[in-house]
Amino acid sequence: MTDNLLMRFKKALIYYS
């Protein structure tokens, strides 16, 4: 697993915040 997935997840969290 790359950080890209983690970054995407974090961005999604902020987007859905």
Protein backbone atom coordinates (compact mmCIF):
# COMPACT_ATOMS: atom_id res chain seq x y z
CA MET A 1 0.00 0.00 0.00
CA THR A 2 1.31 3.43 -0.91
CA ASP A 3 0.82 6.77 0.80
CA ASN A 4 -1.23 7.80 -2.19
CA LEU A 5 -4.16 5.80 -0.86
CA LEU A 6 -3.74 7.29 2.60
CA MET A 7 -3.57 10.79 1.18
CA ARG A 8 -6.72 10.16 -0.83
CA PHE A 9 -8.48 8.87 2.26
CA LYS A 10 -7.45 11.91 4.27
CA LYS A 11 -8.60 14.23 1.49
CA ALA A 12 -11.92 12.42 1.33
CA LEU A 13 -12.32 12.83 5.08
CA ILE A 14 -11.75 16.57 4.80
CA TYR A 15 -14.08 16.75 1.82
CA TYR A 16 -16.83 14.94 3.70
CA SER A 17 -16.21 16.92 6.87
